[in-house]
N, C-alpha and C. Protein backbone atom coordinates (compact mmCIF):
# COMPACT_ATOMS: atom_id res chain seq x y z
N UNK A 1 28.17 18.73 20.16
CA UNK A 1 28.91 17.57 19.72
C UNK A 1 27.88 16.48 19.41
N UNK A 2 28.00 15.87 18.27
CA UNK A 2 27.08 14.82 17.87
C UNK A 2 27.39 13.51 18.55
N UNK A 3 26.46 12.57 18.41
CA UNK A 3 26.64 11.26 19.03
C UNK A 3 27.86 10.54 18.49
N UNK A 4 28.09 10.66 17.18
CA UNK A 4 29.22 9.96 16.57
C UNK A 4 30.54 10.49 17.12
N UNK A 5 30.66 11.80 17.22
CA UNK A 5 31.89 12.39 17.76
C UNK A 5 32.07 12.01 19.23
N UNK A 6 30.98 11.97 19.97
CA UNK A 6 31.07 11.60 21.39
C UNK A 6 31.51 10.15 21.54
N UNK A 7 30.93 9.26 20.73
CA UNK A 7 31.32 7.85 20.78
C UNK A 7 32.79 7.66 20.38
N UNK A 8 33.23 8.42 19.38
CA UNK A 8 34.64 8.32 18.96
C UNK A 8 35.57 8.76 20.08
N UNK A 9 35.17 9.76 20.83
CA UNK A 9 35.97 10.23 21.94
C UNK A 9 36.00 9.22 23.09
N UNK A 10 34.89 8.49 23.27
CA UNK A 10 34.81 7.50 24.33
C UNK A 10 35.49 6.18 23.99
N UNK A 11 35.62 5.86 22.72
CA UNK A 11 36.08 4.54 22.28
C UNK A 11 37.41 4.13 22.90
N UNK A 12 38.46 4.95 22.89
CA UNK A 12 39.73 4.49 23.48
C UNK A 12 39.61 4.17 24.97
N UNK A 13 38.77 4.88 25.69
CA UNK A 13 38.64 4.65 27.12
C UNK A 13 37.87 3.37 27.43
N UNK A 14 37.07 2.89 26.48
CA UNK A 14 36.22 1.74 26.73
C UNK A 14 36.75 0.44 26.15
N UNK A 15 37.83 0.47 25.41
CA UNK A 15 38.35 -0.76 24.81
C UNK A 15 38.90 -1.69 25.89
N UNK A 16 38.73 -2.99 25.69
CA UNK A 16 39.22 -3.99 26.62
C UNK A 16 38.31 -4.24 27.80
N UNK A 17 37.18 -3.64 27.84
CA UNK A 17 36.24 -3.83 28.94
C UNK A 17 35.08 -4.68 28.47
N UNK A 18 34.39 -5.32 29.39
CA UNK A 18 33.23 -6.13 29.01
C UNK A 18 32.08 -5.22 28.64
N UNK A 19 31.07 -5.80 28.01
CA UNK A 19 29.92 -5.01 27.58
C UNK A 19 29.22 -4.33 28.74
N UNK A 20 29.08 -5.04 29.86
CA UNK A 20 28.40 -4.46 31.02
C UNK A 20 29.22 -3.30 31.57
N UNK A 21 30.54 -3.48 31.65
CA UNK A 21 31.39 -2.42 32.16
C UNK A 21 31.37 -1.20 31.23
N UNK A 22 31.40 -1.46 29.92
CA UNK A 22 31.37 -0.34 28.96
C UNK A 22 30.07 0.45 29.09
N UNK A 23 28.94 -0.27 29.20
CA UNK A 23 27.66 0.42 29.33
C UNK A 23 27.60 1.22 30.62
N UNK A 24 28.13 0.67 31.70
CA UNK A 24 28.13 1.39 32.98
C UNK A 24 29.01 2.63 32.90
N UNK A 25 30.19 2.50 32.29
CA UNK A 25 31.08 3.66 32.15
C UNK A 25 30.46 4.73 31.27
N UNK A 26 29.88 4.31 30.17
CA UNK A 26 29.26 5.28 29.25
C UNK A 26 28.08 5.96 29.93
N UNK A 27 27.29 5.20 30.67
CA UNK A 27 26.16 5.79 31.39
C UNK A 27 26.61 6.81 32.42
N UNK A 28 27.69 6.51 33.13
CA UNK A 28 28.21 7.45 34.12
C UNK A 28 28.71 8.73 33.46
N UNK A 29 29.38 8.59 32.32
CA UNK A 29 29.87 9.79 31.62
C UNK A 29 28.70 10.63 31.10
N UNK A 30 27.70 9.97 30.56
CA UNK A 30 26.54 10.70 30.06
C UNK A 30 25.80 11.40 31.19
N UNK A 31 25.73 10.76 32.35
CA UNK A 31 25.06 11.37 33.50
C UNK A 31 25.80 12.64 33.93
N UNK A 32 27.13 12.63 33.83
CA UNK A 32 27.89 13.83 34.18
C UNK A 32 27.67 14.95 33.19
N UNK A 33 27.43 14.59 31.92
CA UNK A 33 27.23 15.63 30.91
C UNK A 33 25.86 16.30 31.05
N UNK A 34 24.90 15.60 31.62
CA UNK A 34 23.58 16.17 31.83
C UNK A 34 22.68 15.97 30.62
N UNK A 35 21.51 16.60 30.65
CA UNK A 35 20.52 16.37 29.61
C UNK A 35 20.91 16.91 28.23
N UNK A 36 21.90 17.79 28.16
CA UNK A 36 22.27 18.35 26.87
C UNK A 36 23.10 17.37 26.04
N UNK A 37 23.43 16.19 26.60
CA UNK A 37 24.22 15.22 25.86
C UNK A 37 23.40 14.59 24.73
N UNK A 38 22.11 14.59 24.87
CA UNK A 38 21.25 13.98 23.86
C UNK A 38 20.56 15.07 23.05
N UNK A 39 20.60 14.99 21.73
CA UNK A 39 19.88 15.97 20.94
C UNK A 39 18.38 15.80 21.13
N UNK A 40 17.65 16.87 21.01
CA UNK A 40 16.22 16.84 21.25
C UNK A 40 15.43 16.56 19.98
N UNK A 41 15.96 15.80 19.08
CA UNK A 41 15.30 15.61 17.80
C UNK A 41 13.92 14.98 17.89
N UNK A 42 13.69 13.92 18.67
CA UNK A 42 12.35 13.35 18.63
C UNK A 42 11.27 14.33 19.08
N UNK A 43 11.49 15.03 20.19
CA UNK A 43 10.47 15.95 20.68
C UNK A 43 10.32 17.16 19.77
N UNK A 44 11.43 17.72 19.31
CA UNK A 44 11.32 18.90 18.46
C UNK A 44 10.71 18.54 17.11
N UNK A 45 11.03 17.36 16.60
CA UNK A 45 10.44 16.92 15.33
C UNK A 45 8.94 16.68 15.50
N UNK A 46 8.57 16.04 16.58
CA UNK A 46 7.14 15.79 16.81
C UNK A 46 6.37 17.09 16.99
N UNK A 47 6.96 18.03 17.68
CA UNK A 47 6.30 19.32 17.86
C UNK A 47 6.14 20.03 16.52
N UNK A 48 7.18 19.99 15.70
CA UNK A 48 7.10 20.61 14.37
C UNK A 48 6.05 19.91 13.52
N UNK A 49 5.98 18.57 13.59
CA UNK A 49 4.97 17.84 12.83
C UNK A 49 3.56 18.19 13.30
N UNK A 50 3.39 18.36 14.60
CA UNK A 50 2.09 18.71 15.14
C UNK A 50 1.65 20.09 14.67
N UNK A 51 2.55 21.07 14.75
CA UNK A 51 2.21 22.42 14.29
C UNK A 51 1.95 22.44 12.77
N UNK A 52 2.78 21.73 12.03
CA UNK A 52 2.57 21.68 10.58
C UNK A 52 1.23 21.01 10.26
N UNK A 53 0.88 19.98 11.00
CA UNK A 53 -0.39 19.29 10.77
C UNK A 53 -1.59 20.20 11.01
N UNK A 54 -1.54 20.99 12.08
CA UNK A 54 -2.65 21.90 12.33
C UNK A 54 -2.73 22.98 11.25
N UNK A 55 -1.58 23.47 10.81
CA UNK A 55 -1.58 24.48 9.75
C UNK A 55 -2.12 23.92 8.45
N UNK A 56 -1.72 22.71 8.10
CA UNK A 56 -2.18 22.09 6.86
C UNK A 56 -3.68 21.82 6.93
N UNK A 57 -4.17 21.37 8.09
CA UNK A 57 -5.60 21.11 8.24
C UNK A 57 -6.41 22.39 8.07
N UNK A 58 -5.97 23.46 8.70
CA UNK A 58 -6.68 24.74 8.58
C UNK A 58 -6.65 25.24 7.14
N UNK A 59 -5.49 25.18 6.50
CA UNK A 59 -5.37 25.63 5.11
C UNK A 59 -6.26 24.80 4.19
N UNK A 60 -6.30 23.49 4.39
CA UNK A 60 -7.13 22.63 3.57
C UNK A 60 -8.61 22.93 3.74
N UNK A 61 -9.04 23.18 4.98
CA UNK A 61 -10.45 23.51 5.21
C UNK A 61 -10.82 24.87 4.62
N UNK A 62 -9.90 25.83 4.72
CA UNK A 62 -10.15 27.15 4.12
C UNK A 62 -10.29 27.02 2.61
N UNK A 63 -9.39 26.27 1.99
CA UNK A 63 -9.49 26.07 0.54
C UNK A 63 -10.78 25.36 0.17
N UNK A 64 -11.15 24.36 0.96
CA UNK A 64 -12.36 23.58 0.65
C UNK A 64 -13.63 24.42 0.73
N UNK A 65 -13.72 25.24 1.77
CA UNK A 65 -14.97 25.97 2.00
C UNK A 65 -15.03 27.35 1.38
N UNK A 66 -13.90 28.03 1.20
CA UNK A 66 -13.94 29.43 0.81
C UNK A 66 -13.37 29.74 -0.57
N UNK A 67 -12.69 28.80 -1.20
CA UNK A 67 -12.10 29.08 -2.51
C UNK A 67 -12.76 28.16 -3.54
N UNK A 68 -13.53 28.72 -4.45
CA UNK A 68 -14.20 27.87 -5.44
C UNK A 68 -13.24 27.48 -6.57
N UNK A 69 -13.57 26.41 -7.25
CA UNK A 69 -12.81 26.02 -8.42
C UNK A 69 -12.18 24.65 -8.30
N UNK A 70 -11.82 24.13 -9.46
CA UNK A 70 -11.23 22.80 -9.51
C UNK A 70 -9.79 22.78 -9.02
N UNK A 71 -9.05 23.85 -9.28
CA UNK A 71 -7.65 23.89 -8.86
C UNK A 71 -7.56 23.88 -7.33
N UNK A 72 -8.41 24.66 -6.68
CA UNK A 72 -8.37 24.67 -5.22
C UNK A 72 -8.81 23.32 -4.65
N UNK A 73 -9.69 22.63 -5.35
CA UNK A 73 -10.09 21.29 -4.91
C UNK A 73 -8.93 20.31 -5.00
N UNK A 74 -8.16 20.40 -6.08
CA UNK A 74 -7.00 19.52 -6.21
C UNK A 74 -5.92 19.84 -5.17
N UNK A 75 -5.74 21.12 -4.90
CA UNK A 75 -4.77 21.51 -3.88
C UNK A 75 -5.23 21.02 -2.51
N UNK A 76 -6.53 21.11 -2.22
CA UNK A 76 -7.06 20.60 -0.96
C UNK A 76 -6.87 19.09 -0.87
N UNK A 77 -7.02 18.39 -1.98
CA UNK A 77 -6.79 16.93 -1.98
C UNK A 77 -5.33 16.61 -1.71
N UNK A 78 -4.42 17.38 -2.30
CA UNK A 78 -3.00 17.18 -2.04
C UNK A 78 -2.69 17.48 -0.57
N UNK A 79 -3.32 18.51 -0.03
CA UNK A 79 -3.10 18.84 1.38
C UNK A 79 -3.64 17.75 2.31
N UNK A 80 -4.70 17.06 1.88
CA UNK A 80 -5.23 15.94 2.65
C UNK A 80 -4.15 14.85 2.79
N UNK A 81 -3.44 14.57 1.70
CA UNK A 81 -2.37 13.57 1.75
C UNK A 81 -1.19 14.09 2.56
N UNK A 82 -0.89 15.37 2.47
CA UNK A 82 0.18 15.95 3.29
C UNK A 82 -0.18 15.81 4.77
N UNK A 83 -1.44 16.04 5.10
CA UNK A 83 -1.89 15.88 6.49
C UNK A 83 -1.73 14.43 6.95
N UNK A 84 -2.09 13.48 6.10
CA UNK A 84 -1.89 12.07 6.45
C UNK A 84 -0.40 11.77 6.64
N UNK A 85 0.44 12.32 5.78
CA UNK A 85 1.89 12.14 5.92
C UNK A 85 2.35 12.64 7.29
N UNK A 86 1.91 13.84 7.65
CA UNK A 86 2.33 14.42 8.92
C UNK A 86 1.82 13.60 10.10
N UNK A 87 0.60 13.08 10.01
CA UNK A 87 0.06 12.26 11.09
C UNK A 87 0.82 10.94 11.21
N UNK A 88 1.11 10.30 10.08
CA UNK A 88 1.87 9.05 10.12
C UNK A 88 3.29 9.30 10.67
N UNK A 89 3.91 10.38 10.25
CA UNK A 89 5.26 10.70 10.74
C UNK A 89 5.23 11.02 12.24
N UNK A 90 4.14 11.60 12.71
CA UNK A 90 4.00 11.90 14.13
C UNK A 90 3.82 10.63 14.96
N UNK A 91 3.01 9.71 14.45
CA UNK A 91 2.72 8.48 15.19
C UNK A 91 3.85 7.46 15.05
N UNK A 92 4.50 7.42 13.90
CA UNK A 92 5.57 6.45 13.63
C UNK A 92 6.88 7.18 13.36
N UNK A 93 7.52 7.76 14.39
CA UNK A 93 8.71 8.58 14.15
C UNK A 93 9.91 7.80 13.62
N UNK A 94 9.95 6.49 13.85
CA UNK A 94 11.10 5.70 13.39
C UNK A 94 10.94 5.23 11.95
N UNK A 95 9.77 5.40 11.37
CA UNK A 95 9.54 4.94 9.99
C UNK A 95 10.29 5.84 9.01
N UNK A 96 10.74 5.25 7.93
CA UNK A 96 11.42 6.01 6.89
C UNK A 96 10.46 6.94 6.16
N UNK A 97 10.99 8.03 5.66
CA UNK A 97 10.15 9.03 5.01
C UNK A 97 9.45 8.48 3.76
N UNK A 98 10.15 7.65 3.02
CA UNK A 98 9.54 7.07 1.81
C UNK A 98 8.35 6.20 2.19
N UNK A 99 8.51 5.39 3.24
CA UNK A 99 7.42 4.51 3.68
C UNK A 99 6.25 5.32 4.20
N UNK A 100 6.52 6.41 4.89
CA UNK A 100 5.45 7.27 5.38
C UNK A 100 4.70 7.89 4.20
N UNK A 101 5.44 8.34 3.19
CA UNK A 101 4.81 8.92 2.00
C UNK A 101 3.97 7.87 1.27
N UNK A 102 4.50 6.66 1.14
CA UNK A 102 3.73 5.60 0.49
C UNK A 102 2.47 5.24 1.28
N UNK A 103 2.57 5.23 2.60
CA UNK A 103 1.40 4.95 3.43
C UNK A 103 0.35 6.04 3.28
N UNK A 104 0.79 7.30 3.28
CA UNK A 104 -0.16 8.41 3.12
C UNK A 104 -0.84 8.34 1.76
N UNK A 105 -0.07 8.07 0.70
CA UNK A 105 -0.67 7.94 -0.62
C UNK A 105 -1.60 6.72 -0.67
N UNK A 106 -1.19 5.62 -0.07
CA UNK A 106 -2.00 4.41 -0.09
C UNK A 106 -3.35 4.60 0.58
N UNK A 107 -3.36 5.24 1.74
CA UNK A 107 -4.63 5.49 2.43
C UNK A 107 -5.50 6.44 1.61
N UNK A 108 -4.89 7.48 1.06
CA UNK A 108 -5.64 8.43 0.23
C UNK A 108 -6.23 7.74 -0.99
N UNK A 109 -5.43 6.93 -1.66
CA UNK A 109 -5.90 6.23 -2.86
C UNK A 109 -6.98 5.21 -2.49
N UNK A 110 -6.84 4.53 -1.35
CA UNK A 110 -7.85 3.57 -0.93
C UNK A 110 -9.20 4.26 -0.71
N UNK A 111 -9.16 5.42 -0.05
CA UNK A 111 -10.40 6.17 0.19
C UNK A 111 -11.00 6.63 -1.13
N UNK A 112 -10.16 7.07 -2.05
CA UNK A 112 -10.66 7.54 -3.36
C UNK A 112 -11.28 6.38 -4.14
N UNK A 113 -10.63 5.24 -4.15
CA UNK A 113 -11.15 4.09 -4.90
C UNK A 113 -12.41 3.54 -4.22
N UNK A 114 -12.50 3.67 -2.90
CA UNK A 114 -13.70 3.23 -2.19
C UNK A 114 -14.92 4.05 -2.59
N UNK A 115 -14.70 5.23 -3.15
CA UNK A 115 -15.82 6.05 -3.60
C UNK A 115 -16.56 5.41 -4.78
N UNK A 116 -15.92 4.47 -5.46
CA UNK A 116 -16.58 3.75 -6.54
C UNK A 116 -17.68 2.82 -6.02
N UNK A 117 -17.59 2.44 -4.74
CA UNK A 117 -18.57 1.51 -4.18
C UNK A 117 -19.85 2.18 -3.72
N UNK A 118 -19.80 3.46 -3.46
CA UNK A 118 -20.99 4.15 -2.97
C UNK A 118 -21.08 4.17 -1.44
N UNK A 119 -20.21 3.45 -0.77
CA UNK A 119 -20.23 3.43 0.70
C UNK A 119 -19.93 4.81 1.28
N UNK A 120 -18.91 5.53 0.78
CA UNK A 120 -18.67 6.87 1.32
C UNK A 120 -19.85 7.82 1.12
N UNK A 121 -20.57 7.68 0.01
CA UNK A 121 -21.75 8.54 -0.22
C UNK A 121 -22.83 8.23 0.81
N UNK A 122 -23.01 6.94 1.13
CA UNK A 122 -24.00 6.57 2.14
C UNK A 122 -23.58 7.10 3.52
N UNK A 123 -22.28 7.03 3.81
CA UNK A 123 -21.79 7.59 5.08
C UNK A 123 -22.02 9.09 5.14
N UNK A 124 -21.82 9.77 4.02
CA UNK A 124 -22.00 11.23 3.98
C UNK A 124 -23.46 11.61 4.18
N UNK A 125 -24.39 10.75 3.73
CA UNK A 125 -25.81 11.04 3.95
C UNK A 125 -26.19 10.91 5.42
N UNK A 126 -25.65 9.91 6.09
CA UNK A 126 -26.01 9.71 7.49
C UNK A 126 -25.19 10.59 8.43
N UNK A 127 -23.99 10.92 8.05
CA UNK A 127 -23.11 11.75 8.87
C UNK A 127 -22.41 12.74 7.95
N UNK A 128 -22.94 13.95 7.81
CA UNK A 128 -22.43 14.91 6.81
C UNK A 128 -20.94 15.25 6.94
N UNK A 129 -20.37 15.21 8.14
CA UNK A 129 -18.95 15.53 8.30
C UNK A 129 -18.06 14.47 7.65
N UNK A 130 -18.59 13.27 7.44
CA UNK A 130 -17.81 12.21 6.80
C UNK A 130 -17.48 12.56 5.36
N UNK A 131 -18.24 13.46 4.78
CA UNK A 131 -17.98 13.90 3.40
C UNK A 131 -16.60 14.54 3.28
N UNK A 132 -16.15 15.24 4.34
CA UNK A 132 -14.83 15.86 4.31
C UNK A 132 -13.71 14.83 4.25
N UNK A 133 -13.89 13.70 4.92
CA UNK A 133 -12.84 12.69 4.97
C UNK A 133 -12.95 11.72 3.80
N UNK A 134 -14.16 11.24 3.52
CA UNK A 134 -14.32 10.17 2.54
C UNK A 134 -14.73 10.64 1.15
N UNK A 135 -15.27 11.85 1.03
CA UNK A 135 -15.73 12.33 -0.28
C UNK A 135 -16.93 11.54 -0.76
N UNK A 136 -17.35 11.84 -1.98
CA UNK A 136 -18.50 11.12 -2.53
C UNK A 136 -18.31 10.70 -3.98
N UNK A 137 -17.54 11.46 -4.75
CA UNK A 137 -17.39 11.19 -6.18
C UNK A 137 -15.95 10.82 -6.50
N UNK A 138 -15.79 9.76 -7.29
CA UNK A 138 -14.46 9.33 -7.71
C UNK A 138 -13.93 10.26 -8.80
N UNK A 139 -12.65 10.59 -8.71
CA UNK A 139 -11.99 11.36 -9.75
C UNK A 139 -10.54 10.88 -9.85
N UNK A 140 -10.14 10.52 -11.06
CA UNK A 140 -8.78 10.05 -11.26
C UNK A 140 -7.76 11.16 -11.02
N UNK A 141 -8.16 12.41 -11.23
CA UNK A 141 -7.26 13.54 -10.96
C UNK A 141 -6.91 13.65 -9.48
N UNK A 142 -7.83 13.20 -8.64
CA UNK A 142 -7.54 13.21 -7.21
C UNK A 142 -6.37 12.29 -6.88
N UNK A 143 -6.26 11.17 -7.58
CA UNK A 143 -5.14 10.27 -7.36
C UNK A 143 -3.81 10.94 -7.70
N UNK A 144 -3.82 11.74 -8.77
CA UNK A 144 -2.61 12.49 -9.13
C UNK A 144 -2.29 13.52 -8.05
N UNK A 145 -3.33 14.19 -7.53
CA UNK A 145 -3.12 15.18 -6.47
C UNK A 145 -2.56 14.50 -5.22
N UNK A 146 -3.04 13.31 -4.91
CA UNK A 146 -2.53 12.58 -3.74
C UNK A 146 -1.06 12.22 -3.93
N UNK A 147 -0.70 11.78 -5.12
CA UNK A 147 0.70 11.43 -5.39
C UNK A 147 1.60 12.66 -5.27
N UNK A 148 1.14 13.78 -5.81
CA UNK A 148 1.91 15.02 -5.71
C UNK A 148 2.04 15.46 -4.25
N UNK A 149 0.95 15.36 -3.49
CA UNK A 149 1.00 15.73 -2.08
C UNK A 149 1.97 14.88 -1.28
N UNK A 150 1.96 13.57 -1.52
CA UNK A 150 2.88 12.68 -0.81
C UNK A 150 4.32 12.97 -1.19
N UNK A 151 4.58 13.20 -2.47
CA UNK A 151 5.94 13.49 -2.92
C UNK A 151 6.45 14.81 -2.36
N UNK A 152 5.61 15.83 -2.37
CA UNK A 152 6.01 17.14 -1.85
C UNK A 152 6.26 17.06 -0.34
N UNK A 153 5.40 16.35 0.38
CA UNK A 153 5.58 16.22 1.82
C UNK A 153 6.88 15.49 2.15
N UNK A 154 7.17 14.43 1.41
CA UNK A 154 8.40 13.67 1.63
C UNK A 154 9.63 14.53 1.31
N UNK A 155 9.59 15.24 0.21
CA UNK A 155 10.72 16.09 -0.18
C UNK A 155 10.93 17.22 0.82
N UNK A 156 9.84 17.85 1.26
CA UNK A 156 9.96 18.94 2.23
C UNK A 156 10.48 18.43 3.57
N UNK A 157 9.99 17.28 4.00
CA UNK A 157 10.45 16.70 5.26
C UNK A 157 11.94 16.37 5.20
N UNK A 158 12.37 15.79 4.09
CA UNK A 158 13.78 15.45 3.93
C UNK A 158 14.65 16.71 3.92
N UNK A 159 14.24 17.71 3.16
CA UNK A 159 15.02 18.94 3.07
C UNK A 159 15.09 19.66 4.42
N UNK A 160 13.97 19.76 5.11
CA UNK A 160 13.96 20.45 6.40
C UNK A 160 14.74 19.68 7.45
N UNK A 161 14.69 18.35 7.41
CA UNK A 161 15.45 17.56 8.37
C UNK A 161 16.94 17.70 8.14
N UNK A 162 17.36 17.70 6.88
CA UNK A 162 18.78 17.89 6.58
C UNK A 162 19.25 19.27 7.01
N UNK A 163 18.41 20.26 6.80
CA UNK A 163 18.78 21.61 7.20
C UNK A 163 18.88 21.72 8.72
N UNK A 164 17.99 21.04 9.43
CA UNK A 164 18.04 21.06 10.89
C UNK A 164 19.31 20.36 11.39
N UNK A 165 19.70 19.26 10.73
CA UNK A 165 20.93 18.58 11.12
C UNK A 165 22.15 19.46 10.89
N UNK A 166 22.16 20.19 9.78
CA UNK A 166 23.27 21.09 9.51
C UNK A 166 23.32 22.21 10.54
N UNK A 167 22.16 22.72 10.92
CA UNK A 167 22.12 23.78 11.91
C UNK A 167 22.61 23.27 13.25
N UNK A 168 22.16 22.07 13.66
CA UNK A 168 22.57 21.50 14.93
C UNK A 168 24.07 21.24 14.98
N UNK A 169 24.64 20.91 13.83
CA UNK A 169 26.09 20.64 13.78
C UNK A 169 26.90 21.91 14.03
N UNK A 170 26.35 23.06 13.73
CA UNK A 170 27.06 24.33 13.95
C UNK A 170 26.92 24.84 15.37
N UNK A 171 25.98 24.29 16.14
CA UNK A 171 25.75 24.77 17.50
C UNK A 171 26.78 24.13 18.45
N UNK A 172 27.23 24.92 19.39
CA UNK A 172 28.16 24.41 20.40
C UNK A 172 27.39 24.09 21.66
N UNK A 173 27.90 23.13 22.40
CA UNK A 173 27.22 22.75 23.64
C UNK A 173 27.70 23.57 24.79
């Protein structure tokens, strides 16, 4: 039973009572129902985001190091933005998906545009692992790959979340 259906069932019993009394009554009823009264969406979503983030990171590194070519480089760049999306969604679970996608694209684009300054190249010389995060050469195609990665991550997150909600609605308590 979803929260909305539960609240609708409780509403007639709570009318005419003060706010403190209603909260106390609702708390007592929820305590009787036990832990299954609350859906596990925050923890299950965070766990899914964590697993997806590790998978995307591994796939991006495999593409970067083992698959030659420009197409694999663009796919790895898109995966970098998908990884940022997953990290932002993990850290900011209450943020809207569009805002998370825009933040992931914004950080990716900022890092790409910073490559015009030469600072990322200097960082890569002193600390070679920084090359994976900051890159060294500016490419406008990378910006397109970042936009595609953010859009795909947002669309996939929305579709999977809706599917999970539909599945949860079919489950009985």
